[in-house]
């Protein structure tokens, strides 16, 4: 397959649950089929639906998800523009564009690394401003090799407070949707730190409180309450899965802040795992 998991670091919190995986999306814009695979790969995790992988129906729905513009999952399709390519220059010569706003120069400024969603935005906002349908721009295998050096995608399983710290970074994120994915279909996991494991309130320790909340959630689901409402009773200790796609400066900033000794231990572990995976 063109979209592949290349490596992983398991058990990063010491509880045999949390992990960080590295994925290669560099070929995502080398064909329309690969675009569909990349976007539905992201969505299949978010909706916990393996059958969605490669689904053109899902792809088309995501294309028109946000007021006629594509879902943020389209940001996981990296696109490389070459300043020496006449067709690419038509986009690059625009004074203002989403391509530039969400892109970064790479290879000593010879190329601009951006994403497919930005291309679609620019085309939908100014269809008459281009001599061709810029949404059809594809990258060559040689350009994909350059993308591979600079565009990094990770899949994480972390607790909700760690997730909240992560999404403060302006990065492309897509998360498991507990609005649509119920705890009945995909059971909840919880992160209990060493300190919290020993805390008791009356007869209840941390694990018993978590169990009670899940029981209350399941009871609500059985009574017809929708997951999007019932999820409010689930504690912050719950695990989630979240995709992150990083441009070079975004990744450097993440490492600068999250590898620091003052960073909270859990998010520091995500950064350490990412650093190891990149090598």
C-alpha atoms as a PDB file:
ATOM      1  CA  UNK A   1       0.000   0.000   0.000  1.00  0.00           C
ATOM      2  CA  UNK A   2       1.088   3.585  -0.647  1.00  0.00           C
ATOM      3  CA  UNK A   3       0.132   4.777   2.864  1.00  0.00           C
ATOM      4  CA  UNK A   4       2.055   2.730   5.404  1.00  0.00           C
ATOM      5  CA  UNK A   5       2.937   2.511   9.071  1.00  0.00           C
ATOM      6  CA  UNK A   6       6.730   2.509   9.160  1.00  0.00           C
ATOM      7  CA  UNK A   7       7.527   2.155  12.875  1.00  0.00           C
ATOM      8  CA  UNK A   8       6.051   2.456  16.352  1.00  0.00           C
ATOM      9  CA  UNK A   9       6.924   2.977  20.012  1.00  0.00           C
ATOM     10  CA  UNK A  10       4.656   1.027  22.336  1.00  0.00           C
ATOM     11  CA  UNK A  11       3.998   1.391  26.056  1.00  0.00           C
ATOM     12  CA  UNK A  12       5.258   4.973  26.251  1.00  0.00           C
ATOM     13  CA  UNK A  13       3.407   5.611  29.554  1.00  0.00           C
ATOM     14  CA  UNK A  14       4.363   2.266  31.072  1.00  0.00           C
ATOM     15  CA  UNK A  15       0.792   0.918  31.109  1.00  0.00           C
ATOM     16  CA  UNK A  16       0.865  -1.142  27.880  1.00  0.00           C
ATOM     17  CA  UNK A  17      -1.728   1.170  26.303  1.00  0.00           C
ATOM     18  CA  UNK A  18      -0.212   4.468  25.144  1.00  0.00           C
ATOM     19  CA  UNK A  19       1.744   4.461  21.880  1.00  0.00           C
ATOM     20  CA  UNK A  20       3.115   6.587  19.043  1.00  0.00           C
ATOM     21  CA  UNK A  21       3.217   5.297  15.451  1.00  0.00           C
ATOM     22  CA  UNK A  22       5.033   6.814  12.492  1.00  0.00           C
ATOM     23  CA  UNK A  23       3.245   6.769   9.122  1.00  0.00           C
ATOM     24  CA  UNK A  24       4.480   7.553   5.612  1.00  0.00           C
ATOM     25  CA  UNK A  25       2.040   9.727   3.627  1.00  0.00           C
ATOM     26  CA  UNK A  26       4.632  10.965   1.113  1.00  0.00           C
ATOM     27  CA  UNK A  27       2.957   9.193  -1.846  1.00  0.00           C
ATOM     28  CA  UNK A  28      -0.499  10.526  -1.046  1.00  0.00           C
ATOM     29  CA  UNK A  29      -0.493  13.068  -3.884  1.00  0.00           C
ATOM     30  CA  UNK A  30       1.036  10.867  -6.594  1.00  0.00           C
ATOM     31  CA  UNK A  31      -2.409   9.698  -7.800  1.00  0.00           C
ATOM     32  CA  UNK A  32      -6.095  10.222  -7.111  1.00  0.00           C
ATOM     33  CA  UNK A  33      -6.273   6.667  -5.750  1.00  0.00           C
ATOM     34  CA  UNK A  34      -3.529   7.463  -3.248  1.00  0.00           C
ATOM     35  CA  UNK A  35      -5.306  10.642  -2.157  1.00  0.00           C
ATOM     36  CA  UNK A  36      -8.399   8.606  -1.406  1.00  0.00           C
ATOM     37  CA  UNK A  37      -6.347   6.035   0.512  1.00  0.00           C
ATOM     38  CA  UNK A  38      -4.625   8.721   2.614  1.00  0.00           C
ATOM     39  CA  UNK A  39      -7.780  10.611   3.496  1.00  0.00           C
ATOM     40  CA  UNK A  40      -9.828   7.524   4.268  1.00  0.00           C
ATOM     41  CA  UNK A  41      -6.916   6.074   6.294  1.00  0.00           C
ATOM     42  CA  UNK A  42      -7.192   9.082   8.585  1.00  0.00           C
ATOM     43  CA  UNK A  43     -10.986   8.895   8.649  1.00  0.00           C
ATOM     44  CA  UNK A  44     -11.054   5.141   9.284  1.00  0.00           C
ATOM     45  CA  UNK A  45      -9.296   5.727  12.617  1.00  0.00           C
ATOM     46  CA  UNK A  46     -11.440   8.719  13.517  1.00  0.00           C
ATOM     47  CA  UNK A  47     -14.646   6.774  12.906  1.00  0.00           C
ATOM     48  CA  UNK A  48     -13.148   3.395  13.884  1.00  0.00           C
ATOM     49  CA  UNK A  49     -14.360   1.942  10.627  1.00  0.00           C
ATOM     50  CA  UNK A  50     -11.723  -0.200   8.839  1.00  0.00           C
ATOM     51  CA  UNK A  51     -14.161  -0.749   5.959  1.00  0.00           C
ATOM     52  CA  UNK A  52     -13.936   2.988   5.195  1.00  0.00           C
ATOM     53  CA  UNK A  53     -10.375   2.583   3.907  1.00  0.00           C
ATOM     54  CA  UNK A  54     -10.360   3.381   0.199  1.00  0.00           C
ATOM     55  CA  UNK A  55     -14.054   4.312   0.155  1.00  0.00           C
ATOM     56  CA  UNK A  56     -14.821   6.819  -2.620  1.00  0.00           C
ATOM     57  CA  UNK A  57     -18.205   7.490  -0.997  1.00  0.00           C
ATOM     58  CA  UNK A  58     -16.540   8.596   2.224  1.00  0.00           C
ATOM     59  CA  UNK A  59     -13.941  10.573   0.278  1.00  0.00           C
ATOM     60  CA  UNK A  60     -16.638  12.493  -1.617  1.00  0.00           C
ATOM     61  CA  UNK A  61     -18.540  13.207   1.596  1.00  0.00           C
ATOM     62  CA  UNK A  62     -15.413  14.533   3.277  1.00  0.00           C
ATOM     63  CA  UNK A  63     -14.662  16.647   0.197  1.00  0.00           C
ATOM     64  CA  UNK A  64     -17.870  18.616   0.816  1.00  0.00           C
ATOM     65  CA  UNK A  65     -17.953  18.389   4.599  1.00  0.00           C
ATOM     66  CA  UNK A  66     -17.343  22.011   5.599  1.00  0.00           C
ATOM     67  CA  UNK A  67     -19.584  24.483   3.751  1.00  0.00           C
ATOM     68  CA  UNK A  68     -18.629  22.977   0.432  1.00  0.00           C
ATOM     69  CA  UNK A  69     -14.927  22.776   1.296  1.00  0.00           C
ATOM     70  CA  UNK A  70     -13.067  19.610   2.257  1.00  0.00           C
ATOM     71  CA  UNK A  71     -12.559  18.085   5.678  1.00  0.00           C
ATOM     72  CA  UNK A  72      -9.366  18.828   7.566  1.00  0.00           C
ATOM     73  CA  UNK A  73      -8.372  15.222   6.808  1.00  0.00           C
ATOM     74  CA  UNK A  74      -7.371  16.563   3.365  1.00  0.00           C
ATOM     75  CA  UNK A  75      -4.492  18.352   5.110  1.00  0.00           C
ATOM     76  CA  UNK A  76      -2.841  14.938   5.491  1.00  0.00           C
ATOM     77  CA  UNK A  77      -2.175  14.873   1.737  1.00  0.00           C
ATOM     78  CA  UNK A  78       1.177  16.686   1.347  1.00  0.00           C
ATOM     79  CA  UNK A  79       1.804  18.498  -1.918  1.00  0.00           C
ATOM     80  CA  UNK A  80       5.133  19.786  -3.246  1.00  0.00           C
ATOM     81  CA  UNK A  81       5.296  22.793  -5.578  1.00  0.00           C
ATOM     82  CA  UNK A  82       8.422  23.453  -7.637  1.00  0.00           C
ATOM     83  CA  UNK A  83       9.381  27.098  -8.281  1.00  0.00           C
ATOM     84  CA  UNK A  84      10.904  26.038 -11.643  1.00  0.00           C
ATOM     85  CA  UNK A  85       7.732  24.270 -12.836  1.00  0.00           C
ATOM     86  CA  UNK A  86       5.610  26.639 -15.032  1.00  0.00           C
ATOM     87  CA  UNK A  87       2.299  25.165 -13.876  1.00  0.00           C
ATOM     88  CA  UNK A  88       3.334  25.276 -10.235  1.00  0.00           C
ATOM     89  CA  UNK A  89       4.524  28.869 -10.628  1.00  0.00           C
ATOM     90  CA  UNK A  90       0.976  29.867 -11.506  1.00  0.00           C
ATOM     91  CA  UNK A  91       0.057  29.080  -7.890  1.00  0.00           C
ATOM     92  CA  UNK A  92       3.301  30.287  -6.358  1.00  0.00           C
ATOM     93  CA  UNK A  93       3.164  33.688  -8.059  1.00  0.00           C
ATOM     94  CA  UNK A  94      -0.112  34.582  -6.316  1.00  0.00           C
ATOM     95  CA  UNK A  95       0.483  37.311  -3.754  1.00  0.00           C
ATOM     96  CA  UNK A  96      -1.965  35.772  -1.279  1.00  0.00           C
ATOM     97  CA  UNK A  97      -3.033  32.127  -1.168  1.00  0.00           C
ATOM     98  CA  UNK A  98      -3.814  29.292   1.196  1.00  0.00           C
ATOM     99  CA  UNK A  99      -1.047  27.348  -0.521  1.00  0.00           C
ATOM    100  CA  UNK A 100       1.473  29.868   0.829  1.00  0.00           C
ATOM    101  CA  UNK A 101      -0.315  30.448   4.140  1.00  0.00           C
ATOM    102  CA  UNK A 102      -0.163  26.753   5.033  1.00  0.00           C
ATOM    103  CA  UNK A 103       3.087  25.944   3.246  1.00  0.00           C
ATOM    104  CA  UNK A 104       6.788  26.021   4.070  1.00  0.00           C
ATOM    105  CA  UNK A 105       9.859  26.370   1.792  1.00  0.00           C
ATOM    106  CA  UNK A 106      12.085  23.274   1.697  1.00  0.00           C
ATOM    107  CA  UNK A 107      15.292  22.208  -0.042  1.00  0.00           C
ATOM    108  CA  UNK A 108      16.875  25.669   0.286  1.00  0.00           C
ATOM    109  CA  UNK A 109      13.738  27.335  -1.010  1.00  0.00           C
ATOM    110  CA  UNK A 110      13.513  25.435  -4.303  1.00  0.00           C
ATOM    111  CA  UNK A 111      10.148  23.957  -3.332  1.00  0.00           C
ATOM    112  CA  UNK A 112       7.093  24.860  -1.290  1.00  0.00           C
ATOM    113  CA  UNK A 113       5.657  22.056   0.834  1.00  0.00           C
ATOM    114  CA  UNK A 114       1.932  22.553   1.355  1.00  0.00           C
ATOM    115  CA  UNK A 115      -1.214  20.393   1.482  1.00  0.00           C
ATOM    116  CA  UNK A 116      -4.062  19.362  -0.795  1.00  0.00           C
ATOM    117  CA  UNK A 117      -6.758  21.088   1.249  1.00  0.00           C
ATOM    118  CA  UNK A 118      -5.036  24.439   0.655  1.00  0.00           C
ATOM    119  CA  UNK A 119      -5.049  23.778  -3.112  1.00  0.00           C
ATOM    120  CA  UNK A 120      -8.775  23.003  -3.045  1.00  0.00           C
ATOM    121  CA  UNK A 121      -9.462  26.154  -0.997  1.00  0.00           C
ATOM    122  CA  UNK A 122      -7.591  28.335  -3.490  1.00  0.00           C
ATOM    123  CA  UNK A 123      -9.393  26.804  -6.465  1.00  0.00           C
ATOM    124  CA  UNK A 124     -12.860  27.092  -4.923  1.00  0.00           C
ATOM    125  CA  UNK A 125     -12.217  30.723  -3.962  1.00  0.00           C
ATOM    126  CA  UNK A 126     -10.919  31.767  -7.394  1.00  0.00           C
ATOM    127  CA  UNK A 127     -11.757  29.263 -10.138  1.00  0.00           C
ATOM    128  CA  UNK A 128     -11.337  31.870 -12.865  1.00  0.00           C
ATOM    129  CA  UNK A 129      -7.920  32.906 -11.571  1.00  0.00           C
ATOM    130  CA  UNK A 130      -6.141  29.834 -12.919  1.00  0.00           C
ATOM    131  CA  UNK A 131      -5.621  28.532 -16.446  1.00  0.00           C
ATOM    132  CA  UNK A 132      -6.227  24.931 -15.348  1.00  0.00           C
ATOM    133  CA  UNK A 133      -7.823  22.914 -12.546  1.00  0.00           C
ATOM    134  CA  UNK A 134      -5.086  23.160  -9.919  1.00  0.00           C
ATOM    135  CA  UNK A 135      -6.748  20.373  -7.915  1.00  0.00           C
ATOM    136  CA  UNK A 136      -5.346  17.940 -10.498  1.00  0.00           C
ATOM    137  CA  UNK A 137      -1.694  18.664  -9.689  1.00  0.00           C
ATOM    138  CA  UNK A 138       0.094  15.417  -8.828  1.00  0.00           C
ATOM    139  CA  UNK A 139       3.608  14.854  -7.546  1.00  0.00           C
ATOM    140  CA  UNK A 140       6.222  12.618  -9.121  1.00  0.00           C
ATOM    141  CA  UNK A 141       7.956   9.790  -7.215  1.00  0.00           C
ATOM    142  CA  UNK A 142      11.059  12.016  -7.091  1.00  0.00           C
ATOM    143  CA  UNK A 143       9.061  14.815  -5.491  1.00  0.00           C
ATOM    144  CA  UNK A 144       7.517  12.317  -3.079  1.00  0.00           C
ATOM    145  CA  UNK A 145      11.036  11.417  -1.937  1.00  0.00           C
ATOM    146  CA  UNK A 146      11.564  15.065  -0.999  1.00  0.00           C
ATOM    147  CA  UNK A 147       8.213  15.159   0.806  1.00  0.00           C
ATOM    148  CA  UNK A 148       9.266  12.118   2.826  1.00  0.00           C
ATOM    149  CA  UNK A 149      12.188  14.073   4.277  1.00  0.00           C
ATOM    150  CA  UNK A 150      10.072  16.950   5.571  1.00  0.00           C
ATOM    151  CA  UNK A 151       6.455  15.854   6.144  1.00  0.00           C
ATOM    152  CA  UNK A 152       5.957  13.691   9.239  1.00  0.00           C
ATOM    153  CA  UNK A 153       2.729  11.950  10.246  1.00  0.00           C
ATOM    154  CA  UNK A 154       2.117  10.245  13.595  1.00  0.00           C
ATOM    155  CA  UNK A 155      -0.769   8.353  15.150  1.00  0.00           C
ATOM    156  CA  UNK A 156      -0.981   8.574  18.947  1.00  0.00           C
ATOM    157  CA  UNK A 157      -2.921   6.879  21.687  1.00  0.00           C
ATOM    158  CA  UNK A 158      -2.816   9.224  24.681  1.00  0.00           C
ATOM    159  CA  UNK A 159      -5.068  10.391  27.492  1.00  0.00           C
ATOM    160  CA  UNK A 160      -7.310  13.435  27.061  1.00  0.00           C
ATOM    161  CA  UNK A 161      -5.209  15.919  29.108  1.00  0.00           C
ATOM    162  CA  UNK A 162      -2.123  15.025  27.059  1.00  0.00           C
ATOM    163  CA  UNK A 163      -4.195  15.415  23.880  1.00  0.00           C
ATOM    164  CA  UNK A 164      -5.310  18.864  25.075  1.00  0.00           C
ATOM    165  CA  UNK A 165      -1.691  19.971  25.430  1.00  0.00           C
ATOM    166  CA  UNK A 166      -0.783  18.541  22.025  1.00  0.00           C
ATOM    167  CA  UNK A 167      -3.522  20.352  20.102  1.00  0.00           C
ATOM    168  CA  UNK A 168      -2.289  23.718  21.371  1.00  0.00           C
ATOM    169  CA  UNK A 169       0.326  23.313  18.646  1.00  0.00           C
ATOM    170  CA  UNK A 170      -0.865  24.558  15.255  1.00  0.00           C
ATOM    171  CA  UNK A 171      -0.528  21.243  13.496  1.00  0.00           C
ATOM    172  CA  UNK A 172      -2.884  19.174  11.321  1.00  0.00           C
ATOM    173  CA  UNK A 173      -4.913  17.088  13.789  1.00  0.00           C
ATOM    174  CA  UNK A 174      -7.672  14.485  13.401  1.00  0.00           C
ATOM    175  CA  UNK A 175      -9.064  12.629  16.411  1.00  0.00           C
ATOM    176  CA  UNK A 176     -11.148   9.575  17.197  1.00  0.00           C
ATOM    177  CA  UNK A 177     -14.719  10.867  17.337  1.00  0.00           C
ATOM    178  CA  UNK A 178     -16.525   9.825  20.490  1.00  0.00           C
ATOM    179  CA  UNK A 179     -19.512  11.710  19.127  1.00  0.00           C
ATOM    180  CA  UNK A 180     -20.023   8.867  16.657  1.00  0.00           C
ATOM    181  CA  UNK A 181     -17.980   6.014  18.135  1.00  0.00           C
ATOM    182  CA  UNK A 182     -19.687   4.781  21.273  1.00  0.00           C
ATOM    183  CA  UNK A 183     -17.979   3.084  24.168  1.00  0.00           C
ATOM    184  CA  UNK A 184     -20.188   0.109  23.447  1.00  0.00           C
ATOM    185  CA  UNK A 185     -18.622  -0.330  20.008  1.00  0.00           C
ATOM    186  CA  UNK A 186     -15.060   0.619  21.049  1.00  0.00           C
ATOM    187  CA  UNK A 187     -14.511   0.235  24.827  1.00  0.00           C
ATOM    188  CA  UNK A 188     -12.816   2.981  26.808  1.00  0.00           C
ATOM    189  CA  UNK A 189      -9.258   2.676  28.089  1.00  0.00           C
ATOM    190  CA  UNK A 190      -8.006   4.865  30.925  1.00  0.00           C
ATOM    191  CA  UNK A 191      -4.632   6.181  31.980  1.00  0.00           C
ATOM    192  CA  UNK A 192      -4.024   5.984  35.731  1.00  0.00           C
ATOM    193  CA  UNK A 193      -0.754   7.530  36.814  1.00  0.00           C
ATOM    194  CA  UNK A 194       1.233   6.002  39.652  1.00  0.00           C
ATOM    195  CA  UNK A 195       0.210   8.812  42.006  1.00  0.00           C
ATOM    196  CA  UNK A 196      -3.496   8.594  41.147  1.00  0.00           C
ATOM    197  CA  UNK A 197      -3.560   4.799  41.508  1.00  0.00           C
ATOM    198  CA  UNK A 198      -3.149   5.068  45.277  1.00  0.00           C
ATOM    199  CA  UNK A 199      -5.702   7.854  45.893  1.00  0.00           C
ATOM    200  CA  UNK A 200      -8.931   6.901  47.674  1.00  0.00           C
ATOM    201  CA  UNK A 201     -12.089   8.837  48.517  1.00  0.00           C
ATOM    202  CA  UNK A 202     -14.013   6.885  51.118  1.00  0.00           C
ATOM    203  CA  UNK A 203     -14.459   3.380  49.748  1.00  0.00           C
ATOM    204  CA  UNK A 204     -13.634   4.425  46.174  1.00  0.00           C
ATOM    205  CA  UNK A 205     -10.204   4.324  44.593  1.00  0.00           C
ATOM    206  CA  UNK A 206      -9.474   5.800  41.158  1.00  0.00           C
ATOM    207  CA  UNK A 207     -10.260   2.597  39.269  1.00  0.00           C
ATOM    208  CA  UNK A 208     -13.650   2.197  40.981  1.00  0.00           C
ATOM    209  CA  UNK A 209     -14.605   5.771  40.116  1.00  0.00           C
ATOM    210  CA  UNK A 210     -13.698   5.184  36.488  1.00  0.00           C
ATOM    211  CA  UNK A 211     -15.686   1.943  36.443  1.00  0.00           C
ATOM    212  CA  UNK A 212     -18.709   3.720  37.897  1.00  0.00           C
ATOM    213  CA  UNK A 213     -18.544   6.434  35.231  1.00  0.00           C
ATOM    214  CA  UNK A 214     -18.377   3.835  32.446  1.00  0.00           C
ATOM    215  CA  UNK A 215     -21.319   1.966  33.996  1.00  0.00           C
ATOM    216  CA  UNK A 216     -23.314   5.215  34.084  1.00  0.00           C
ATOM    217  CA  UNK A 217     -22.359   5.912  30.451  1.00  0.00           C
ATOM    218  CA  UNK A 218     -23.452   2.453  29.308  1.00  0.00           C
ATOM    219  CA  UNK A 219     -26.709   2.795  31.194  1.00  0.00           C
ATOM    220  CA  UNK A 220     -27.353   6.074  29.376  1.00  0.00           C
ATOM    221  CA  UNK A 221     -26.646   4.450  26.002  1.00  0.00           C
ATOM    222  CA  UNK A 222     -29.048   1.611  26.818  1.00  0.00           C
ATOM    223  CA  UNK A 223     -31.737   4.190  27.637  1.00  0.00           C
ATOM    224  CA  UNK A 224     -31.322   5.787  24.199  1.00  0.00           C
ATOM    225  CA  UNK A 225     -29.005   8.677  25.043  1.00  0.00           C
ATOM    226  CA  UNK A 226     -26.738   9.413  22.069  1.00  0.00           C
ATOM    227  CA  UNK A 227     -22.976   8.919  22.486  1.00  0.00           C
ATOM    228  CA  UNK A 228     -22.350  12.614  21.801  1.00  0.00           C
ATOM    229  CA  UNK A 229     -24.286  13.437  24.981  1.00  0.00           C
ATOM    230  CA  UNK A 230     -23.400  10.445  27.143  1.00  0.00           C
ATOM    231  CA  UNK A 231     -19.643  11.009  26.630  1.00  0.00           C
ATOM    232  CA  UNK A 232     -19.766  13.988  29.000  1.00  0.00           C
ATOM    233  CA  UNK A 233     -19.716  11.609  31.969  1.00  0.00           C
ATOM    234  CA  UNK A 234     -16.450   9.988  30.854  1.00  0.00           C
ATOM    235  CA  UNK A 235     -13.460  11.216  32.929  1.00  0.00           C
ATOM    236  CA  UNK A 236     -10.435  13.017  31.504  1.00  0.00           C
ATOM    237  CA  UNK A 237      -8.337   9.925  32.180  1.00  0.00           C
ATOM    238  CA  UNK A 238      -9.873   8.329  29.062  1.00  0.00           C
ATOM    239  CA  UNK A 239      -7.604   7.481  26.164  1.00  0.00           C
ATOM    240  CA  UNK A 240      -8.144   8.800  22.659  1.00  0.00           C
ATOM    241  CA  UNK A 241      -6.468   8.240  19.297  1.00  0.00           C
ATOM    242  CA  UNK A 242      -5.278  11.245  17.330  1.00  0.00           C
ATOM    243  CA  UNK A 243      -3.410  11.847  14.081  1.00  0.00           C
ATOM    244  CA  UNK A 244      -0.830  14.618  13.790  1.00  0.00           C
ATOM    245  CA  UNK A 245       0.838  15.811  10.569  1.00  0.00           C
ATOM    246  CA  UNK A 246       3.856  18.105  10.976  1.00  0.00           C
ATOM    247  CA  UNK A 247       5.605  20.572   8.698  1.00  0.00           C
ATOM    248  CA  UNK A 248       9.313  21.115   9.498  1.00  0.00           C
ATOM    249  CA  UNK A 249       8.986  24.231  11.671  1.00  0.00           C
ATOM    250  CA  UNK A 250       5.969  22.758  13.468  1.00  0.00           C
ATOM    251  CA  UNK A 251       7.939  19.644  14.362  1.00  0.00           C
ATOM    252  CA  UNK A 252      10.941  21.670  15.508  1.00  0.00           C
ATOM    253  CA  UNK A 253       8.709  23.778  17.753  1.00  0.00           C
ATOM    254  CA  UNK A 254       7.047  20.686  19.218  1.00  0.00           C
ATOM    255  CA  UNK A 255      10.415  19.192  20.095  1.00  0.00           C
ATOM    256  CA  UNK A 256      11.705  22.471  21.519  1.00  0.00           C
ATOM    257  CA  UNK A 257       8.770  22.785  23.933  1.00  0.00           C
ATOM    258  CA  UNK A 258       7.891  19.171  24.659  1.00  0.00           C
ATOM    259  CA  UNK A 259      11.370  17.720  25.093  1.00  0.00           C
ATOM    260  CA  UNK A 260      12.129  20.369  27.691  1.00  0.00           C
ATOM    261  CA  UNK A 261      12.577  19.016  31.220  1.00  0.00           C
ATOM    262  CA  UNK A 262       9.778  21.305  32.425  1.00  0.00           C
ATOM    263  CA  UNK A 263       7.223  19.721  30.062  1.00  0.00           C
ATOM    264  CA  UNK A 264       4.718  17.388  31.696  1.00  0.00           C
ATOM    265  CA  UNK A 265       6.048  13.826  31.773  1.00  0.00           C
ATOM    266  CA  UNK A 266       3.365  12.298  29.542  1.00  0.00           C
ATOM    267  CA  UNK A 267       3.686  14.759  26.659  1.00  0.00           C
ATOM    268  CA  UNK A 268       7.464  14.614  26.967  1.00  0.00           C
ATOM    269  CA  UNK A 269       7.179  10.882  26.340  1.00  0.00           C
ATOM    270  CA  UNK A 270       5.303  11.540  23.077  1.00  0.00           C
ATOM    271  CA  UNK A 271       8.095  13.856  21.906  1.00  0.00           C
ATOM    272  CA  UNK A 272      10.809  11.378  22.887  1.00  0.00           C
ATOM    273  CA  UNK A 273       9.051   8.605  20.963  1.00  0.00           C
ATOM    274  CA  UNK A 274       8.618  10.828  17.894  1.00  0.00           C
ATOM    275  CA  UNK A 275      12.278  11.814  17.982  1.00  0.00           C
ATOM    276  CA  UNK A 276      13.337   8.158  18.169  1.00  0.00           C
ATOM    277  CA  UNK A 277      11.061   7.201  15.296  1.00  0.00           C
ATOM    278  CA  UNK A 278      12.423   9.893  13.019  1.00  0.00           C
ATOM    279  CA  UNK A 279      15.968   8.829  13.909  1.00  0.00           C
END
